[in-house]
PDB file of N, CA and C in Angstrom:
ATOM      1  N   MET A   1     -18.949  -7.739   6.218  1.00  0.00           N
ATOM      2  CA  MET A   1     -18.460  -6.396   6.499  1.00  0.00           C
ATOM      3  C   MET A   1     -17.997  -5.741   5.201  1.00  0.00           C
ATOM      4  N   LYS A   2     -18.835  -4.906   4.690  1.00  0.00           N
ATOM      5  CA  LYS A   2     -18.508  -4.225   3.445  1.00  0.00           C
ATOM      6  C   LYS A   2     -17.277  -3.337   3.579  1.00  0.00           C
ATOM      7  N   ILE A   3     -17.130  -2.694   4.732  1.00  0.00           N
ATOM      8  CA  ILE A   3     -16.006  -1.765   4.921  1.00  0.00           C
ATOM      9  C   ILE A   3     -14.678  -2.509   4.879  1.00  0.00           C
ATOM     10  N   VAL A   4     -14.638  -3.708   5.436  1.00  0.00           N
ATOM     11  CA  VAL A   4     -13.401  -4.498   5.430  1.00  0.00           C
ATOM     12  C   VAL A   4     -13.060  -4.902   3.995  1.00  0.00           C
ATOM     13  N   SER A   5     -14.067  -5.306   3.233  1.00  0.00           N
ATOM     14  CA  SER A   5     -13.828  -5.662   1.829  1.00  0.00           C
ATOM     15  C   SER A   5     -13.287  -4.463   1.061  1.00  0.00           C
ATOM     16  N   ARG A   6     -13.848  -3.287   1.319  1.00  0.00           N
ATOM     17  CA  ARG A   6     -13.376  -2.071   0.638  1.00  0.00           C
ATOM     18  C   ARG A   6     -11.934  -1.760   1.026  1.00  0.00           C
ATOM     19  N   ARG A   7     -11.620  -1.944   2.285  1.00  0.00           N
ATOM     20  CA  ARG A   7     -10.244  -1.673   2.732  1.00  0.00           C
ATOM     21  C   ARG A   7      -9.259  -2.670   2.136  1.00  0.00           C
ATOM     22  N   PHE A   8      -9.676  -3.910   1.957  1.00  0.00           N
ATOM     23  CA  PHE A   8      -8.804  -4.874   1.282  1.00  0.00           C
ATOM     24  C   PHE A   8      -8.606  -4.491  -0.181  1.00  0.00           C
ATOM     25  N   ALA A   9      -9.645  -3.935  -0.795  1.00  0.00           N
ATOM     26  CA  ALA A   9      -9.502  -3.443  -2.168  1.00  0.00           C
ATOM     27  C   ALA A   9      -8.505  -2.280  -2.203  1.00  0.00           C
ATOM     28  N   ASP A  10      -8.574  -1.386  -1.208  1.00  0.00           N
ATOM     29  CA  ASP A  10      -7.599  -0.293  -1.112  1.00  0.00           C
ATOM     30  C   ASP A  10      -6.186  -0.835  -0.931  1.00  0.00           C
ATOM     31  N   LEU A  11      -6.071  -1.879  -0.132  1.00  0.00           N
ATOM     32  CA  LEU A  11      -4.783  -2.526   0.088  1.00  0.00           C
ATOM     33  C   LEU A  11      -4.236  -3.088  -1.230  1.00  0.00           C
ATOM     34  N   ALA A  12      -5.094  -3.740  -1.992  1.00  0.00           N
ATOM     35  CA  ALA A  12      -4.677  -4.305  -3.275  1.00  0.00           C
ATOM     36  C   ALA A  12      -4.237  -3.211  -4.248  1.00  0.00           C
ATOM     37  N   MET A  13      -4.967  -2.096  -4.284  1.00  0.00           N
ATOM     38  CA  MET A  13      -4.585  -0.998  -5.179  1.00  0.00           C
ATOM     39  C   MET A  13      -3.219  -0.419  -4.810  1.00  0.00           C
ATOM     40  N   THR A  14      -2.980  -0.288  -3.527  1.00  0.00           N
ATOM     41  CA  THR A  14      -1.694   0.248  -3.084  1.00  0.00           C
ATOM     42  C   THR A  14      -0.568  -0.725  -3.402  1.00  0.00           C
ATOM     43  N   LEU A  15      -0.823  -2.019  -3.241  1.00  0.00           N
ATOM     44  CA  LEU A  15       0.186  -3.023  -3.609  1.00  0.00           C
ATOM     45  C   LEU A  15       0.473  -2.989  -5.102  1.00  0.00           C
ATOM     46  N   GLU A  16      -0.563  -2.773  -5.895  1.00  0.00           N
ATOM     47  CA  GLU A  16      -0.363  -2.656  -7.336  1.00  0.00           C
ATOM     48  C   GLU A  16       0.493  -1.430  -7.667  1.00  0.00           C
ATOM     49  N   ASP A  17       0.255  -0.329  -6.962  1.00  0.00           N
ATOM     50  CA  ASP A  17       1.082   0.870  -7.151  1.00  0.00           C
ATOM     51  C   ASP A  17       2.544   0.561  -6.836  1.00  0.00           C
ATOM     52  N   LEU A  18       2.769  -0.118  -5.705  1.00  0.00           N
ATOM     53  CA  LEU A  18       4.135  -0.478  -5.310  1.00  0.00           C
ATOM     54  C   LEU A  18       4.780  -1.389  -6.345  1.00  0.00           C
ATOM     55  N   HIS A  19       4.019  -2.341  -6.840  1.00  0.00           N
ATOM     56  CA  HIS A  19       4.546  -3.251  -7.852  1.00  0.00           C
ATOM     57  C   HIS A  19       4.968  -2.475  -9.095  1.00  0.00           C
ATOM     58  N   GLY A  20       4.134  -1.557  -9.534  1.00  0.00           N
ATOM     59  CA  GLY A  20       4.470  -0.757 -10.712  1.00  0.00           C
ATOM     60  C   GLY A  20       5.737   0.048 -10.524  1.00  0.00           C
ATOM     61  N   ILE A  21       5.884   0.644  -9.354  1.00  0.00           N
ATOM     62  CA  ILE A  21       7.084   1.425  -9.058  1.00  0.00           C
ATOM     63  C   ILE A  21       8.312   0.522  -9.049  1.00  0.00           C
ATOM     64  N   ALA A  22       8.180  -0.651  -8.425  1.00  0.00           N
ATOM     65  CA  ALA A  22       9.308  -1.589  -8.354  1.00  0.00           C
ATOM     66  C   ALA A  22       9.713  -2.075  -9.738  1.00  0.00           C
ATOM     67  N   VAL A  23       8.742  -2.355 -10.582  1.00  0.00           N
ATOM     68  CA  VAL A  23       9.050  -2.797 -11.949  1.00  0.00           C
ATOM     69  C   VAL A  23       9.746  -1.668 -12.706  1.00  0.00           C
ATOM     70  N   GLU A  24       9.232  -0.461 -12.574  1.00  0.00           N
ATOM     71  CA  GLU A  24       9.841   0.682 -13.255  1.00  0.00           C
ATOM     72  C   GLU A  24      11.294   0.884 -12.806  1.00  0.00           C
ATOM     73  N   GLY A  25      11.551   0.659 -11.531  1.00  0.00           N
ATOM     74  CA  GLY A  25      12.894   0.824 -10.999  1.00  0.00           C
ATOM     75  C   GLY A  25      13.903  -0.177 -11.534  1.00  0.00           C
ATOM     76  N   GLN A  26      13.434  -1.254 -12.139  1.00  0.00           N
ATOM     77  CA  GLN A  26      14.324  -2.269 -12.684  1.00  0.00           C
ATOM     78  C   GLN A  26      14.824  -1.945 -14.085  1.00  0.00           C
ATOM     79  N   ALA A  27      14.280  -0.909 -14.680  1.00  0.00           N
ATOM     80  CA  ALA A  27      14.668  -0.567 -16.051  1.00  0.00           C
ATOM     81  C   ALA A  27      16.156  -0.219 -16.108  1.00  0.00           C
ATOM     82  N   ALA A  28      16.763  -0.601 -17.198  1.00  0.00           N
ATOM     83  CA  ALA A  28      18.191  -0.326 -17.384  1.00  0.00           C
ATOM     84  C   ALA A  28      18.425   1.169 -17.590  1.00  0.00           C
ATOM     85  N   ARG A  29      19.568   1.593 -17.130  1.00  0.00           N
ATOM     86  CA  ARG A  29      20.063   2.945 -17.374  1.00  0.00           C
ATOM     87  C   ARG A  29      19.181   4.065 -16.821  1.00  0.00           C
ATOM     88  N   LEU A  30      18.598   3.849 -15.669  1.00  0.00           N
ATOM     89  CA  LEU A  30      17.868   4.937 -15.025  1.00  0.00           C
ATOM     90  C   LEU A  30      18.865   5.830 -14.298  1.00  0.00           C
ATOM     91  N   SER A  31      18.607   7.085 -14.309  1.00  0.00           N
ATOM     92  CA  SER A  31      19.506   8.021 -13.629  1.00  0.00           C
ATOM     93  C   SER A  31      19.284   7.943 -12.115  1.00  0.00           C
ATOM     94  N   PRO A  32      20.267   8.377 -11.351  1.00  0.00           N
ATOM     95  CA  PRO A  32      20.084   8.423  -9.896  1.00  0.00           C
ATOM     96  C   PRO A  32      18.882   9.283  -9.496  1.00  0.00           C
ATOM     97  N   ASP A  33      18.609  10.335 -10.260  1.00  0.00           N
ATOM     98  CA  ASP A  33      17.441  11.169  -9.948  1.00  0.00           C
ATOM     99  C   ASP A  33      16.138  10.387 -10.089  1.00  0.00           C
ATOM    100  N   ILE A  34      16.058   9.560 -11.111  1.00  0.00           N
ATOM    101  CA  ILE A  34      14.858   8.734 -11.303  1.00  0.00           C
ATOM    102  C   ILE A  34      14.750   7.701 -10.187  1.00  0.00           C
ATOM    103  N   HIS A  35      15.860   7.068  -9.830  1.00  0.00           N
ATOM    104  CA  HIS A  35      15.830   6.114  -8.712  1.00  0.00           C
ATOM    105  C   HIS A  35      15.383   6.801  -7.427  1.00  0.00           C
ATOM    106  N   ARG A  36      15.866   7.989  -7.203  1.00  0.00           N
ATOM    107  CA  ARG A  36      15.488   8.754  -6.010  1.00  0.00           C
ATOM    108  C   ARG A  36      13.982   9.067  -6.035  1.00  0.00           C
ATOM    109  N   ALA A  37      13.488   9.482  -7.187  1.00  0.00           N
ATOM    110  CA  ALA A  37      12.060   9.784  -7.318  1.00  0.00           C
ATOM    111  C   ALA A  37      11.210   8.538  -7.069  1.00  0.00           C
ATOM    112  N   LEU A  38      11.663   7.398  -7.587  1.00  0.00           N
ATOM    113  CA  LEU A  38      10.932   6.154  -7.359  1.00  0.00           C
ATOM    114  C   LEU A  38      10.931   5.792  -5.876  1.00  0.00           C
ATOM    115  N   LEU A  39      12.073   5.955  -5.238  1.00  0.00           N
ATOM    116  CA  LEU A  39      12.155   5.686  -3.806  1.00  0.00           C
ATOM    117  C   LEU A  39      11.191   6.571  -3.032  1.00  0.00           C
ATOM    118  N   PHE A  40      11.152   7.839  -3.375  1.00  0.00           N
ATOM    119  CA  PHE A  40      10.250   8.752  -2.683  1.00  0.00           C
ATOM    120  C   PHE A  40       8.787   8.447  -2.992  1.00  0.00           C
ATOM    121  N   SER A  41       8.521   7.737  -4.067  1.00  0.00           N
ATOM    122  CA  SER A  41       7.163   7.289  -4.377  1.00  0.00           C
ATOM    123  C   SER A  41       6.788   6.052  -3.564  1.00  0.00           C
ATOM    124  N   ILE A  42       7.786   5.235  -3.250  1.00  0.00           N
ATOM    125  CA  ILE A  42       7.536   4.005  -2.493  1.00  0.00           C
ATOM    126  C   ILE A  42       7.198   4.301  -1.038  1.00  0.00           C
ATOM    127  N   GLN A  43       7.912   5.218  -0.449  1.00  0.00           N
ATOM    128  CA  GLN A  43       7.739   5.476   0.983  1.00  0.00           C
ATOM    129  C   GLN A  43       6.306   5.837   1.382  1.00  0.00           C
ATOM    130  N   PRO A  44       5.622   6.735   0.664  1.00  0.00           N
ATOM    131  CA  PRO A  44       4.223   7.017   1.044  1.00  0.00           C
ATOM    132  C   PRO A  44       3.299   5.813   0.835  1.00  0.00           C
ATOM    133  N   CYS A  45       3.599   4.984  -0.151  1.00  0.00           N
ATOM    134  CA  CYS A  45       2.789   3.777  -0.372  1.00  0.00           C
ATOM    135  C   CYS A  45       2.908   2.828   0.814  1.00  0.00           C
ATOM    136  N   ILE A  46       4.109   2.685   1.336  1.00  0.00           N
ATOM    137  CA  ILE A  46       4.308   1.815   2.495  1.00  0.00           C
ATOM    138  C   ILE A  46       3.573   2.365   3.708  1.00  0.00           C
ATOM    139  N   THR A  47       3.632   3.669   3.894  1.00  0.00           N
ATOM    140  CA  THR A  47       2.896   4.307   4.985  1.00  0.00           C
ATOM    141  C   THR A  47       1.398   4.068   4.824  1.00  0.00           C
ATOM    142  N   ARG A  48       0.916   4.204   3.584  1.00  0.00           N
ATOM    143  CA  ARG A  48      -0.511   3.977   3.304  1.00  0.00           C
ATOM    144  C   ARG A  48      -0.887   2.518   3.568  1.00  0.00           C
ATOM    145  N   LEU A  49      -0.015   1.564   3.189  1.00  0.00           N
ATOM    146  CA  LEU A  49      -0.284   0.145   3.465  1.00  0.00           C
ATOM    147  C   LEU A  49      -0.441  -0.104   4.959  1.00  0.00           C
ATOM    148  N   ASN A  50       0.458   0.457   5.733  1.00  0.00           N
ATOM    149  CA  ASN A  50       0.386   0.291   7.187  1.00  0.00           C
ATOM    150  C   ASN A  50      -0.905   0.872   7.749  1.00  0.00           C
ATOM    151  N   ALA A  51      -1.289   2.038   7.265  1.00  0.00           N
ATOM    152  CA  ALA A  51      -2.510   2.680   7.751  1.00  0.00           C
ATOM    153  C   ALA A  51      -3.748   1.853   7.404  1.00  0.00           C
ATOM    154  N   ILE A  52      -3.788   1.337   6.184  1.00  0.00           N
ATOM    155  CA  ILE A  52      -4.925   0.513   5.764  1.00  0.00           C
ATOM    156  C   ILE A  52      -4.986  -0.758   6.600  1.00  0.00           C
ATOM    157  N   ALA A  53      -3.846  -1.405   6.794  1.00  0.00           N
ATOM    158  CA  ALA A  53      -3.807  -2.635   7.594  1.00  0.00           C
ATOM    159  C   ALA A  53      -4.256  -2.354   9.028  1.00  0.00           C
ATOM    160  N   ASP A  54      -3.831  -1.228   9.575  1.00  0.00           N
ATOM    161  CA  ASP A  54      -4.268  -0.853  10.929  1.00  0.00           C
ATOM    162  C   ASP A  54      -5.783  -0.672  10.988  1.00  0.00           C
ATOM    163  N   ARG A  55      -6.344   0.009   9.976  1.00  0.00           N
ATOM    164  CA  ARG A  55      -7.800   0.230   9.953  1.00  0.00           C
ATOM    165  C   ARG A  55      -8.563  -1.086   9.813  1.00  0.00           C
ATOM    166  N   ILE A  56      -8.021  -1.999   9.012  1.00  0.00           N
ATOM    167  CA  ILE A  56      -8.668  -3.315   8.890  1.00  0.00           C
ATOM    168  C   ILE A  56      -8.655  -4.015  10.245  1.00  0.00           C
ATOM    169  N   GLY A  57      -7.508  -4.000  10.897  1.00  0.00           N
ATOM    170  CA  GLY A  57      -7.395  -4.642  12.206  1.00  0.00           C
ATOM    171  C   GLY A  57      -8.340  -4.049  13.237  1.00  0.00           C
ATOM    172  N   ILE A  58      -8.444  -2.740  13.270  1.00  0.00           N
ATOM    173  CA  ILE A  58      -9.339  -2.068  14.218  1.00  0.00           C
ATOM    174  C   ILE A  58     -10.785  -2.455  13.938  1.00  0.00           C
ATOM    175  N   THR A  59     -11.159  -2.457  12.659  1.00  0.00           N
ATOM    176  CA  THR A  59     -12.530  -2.798  12.289  1.00  0.00           C
ATOM    177  C   THR A  59     -12.864  -4.251  12.633  1.00  0.00           C
ATOM    178  N   VAL A  60     -11.944  -5.147  12.314  1.00  0.00           N
ATOM    179  CA  VAL A  60     -12.177  -6.563  12.578  1.00  0.00           C
ATOM    180  C   VAL A  60     -12.253  -6.821  14.094  1.00  0.00           C
ATOM    181  N   CYS A  61     -11.341  -6.224  14.844  1.00  0.00           N
ATOM    182  CA  CYS A  61     -11.338  -6.416  16.298  1.00  0.00           C
ATOM    183  C   CYS A  61     -12.585  -5.812  16.931  1.00  0.00           C
ATOM    184  N   ALA A  62     -13.043  -4.677  16.413  1.00  0.00           N
ATOM    185  CA  ALA A  62     -14.271  -4.076  16.935  1.00  0.00           C
ATOM    186  C   ALA A  62     -15.459  -5.001  16.666  1.00  0.00           C
ATOM    187  N   GLY A  63     -15.460  -5.633  15.492  1.00  0.00           N
ATOM    188  CA  GLY A  63     -16.525  -6.591  15.169  1.00  0.00           C
ATOM    189  C   GLY A  63     -16.496  -7.807  16.072  1.00  0.00           C
ATOM    190  N   ASP A  64     -15.279  -8.235  16.450  1.00  0.00           N
ATOM    191  CA  ASP A  64     -15.151  -9.385  17.361  1.00  0.00           C
ATOM    192  C   ASP A  64     -15.761  -9.060  18.718  1.00  0.00           C
ATOM    193  N   ARG A  65     -15.600  -7.815  19.169  1.00  0.00           N
ATOM    194  CA  ARG A  65     -16.120  -7.421  20.473  1.00  0.00           C
ATOM    195  C   ARG A  65     -17.649  -7.350  20.480  1.00  0.00           C
ATOM    196  N   ARG A  66     -18.245  -7.126  19.308  1.00  0.00           N
ATOM    197  CA  ARG A  66     -19.727  -7.038  19.239  1.00  0.00           C
ATOM    198  C   ARG A  66     -20.360  -8.414  19.266  1.00  0.00           C
ATOM    199  N   ASP A  67     -19.608  -9.452  18.919  1.00  0.00           N
ATOM    200  CA  ASP A  67     -20.177 -10.807  18.849  1.00  0.00           C
ATOM    201  C   ASP A  67     -20.425 -11.396  20.227  1.00  0.00           C
TER     202      ASP A  67
END
């Protein structure tokens, strides 16, 4: 299933984005505004992760029904 592989690649890219944001948030002496901006960057990534995982599940389950 090429589509499932592509969706896992999308999942990996989003996880990499989250990792980068989390690492950036660990820097010393960040202002509260920067922490807030990082937090607001994390929330859409988490939403995107959930959506991708849902699409993978739907695709895989649909494939199970065809077998």
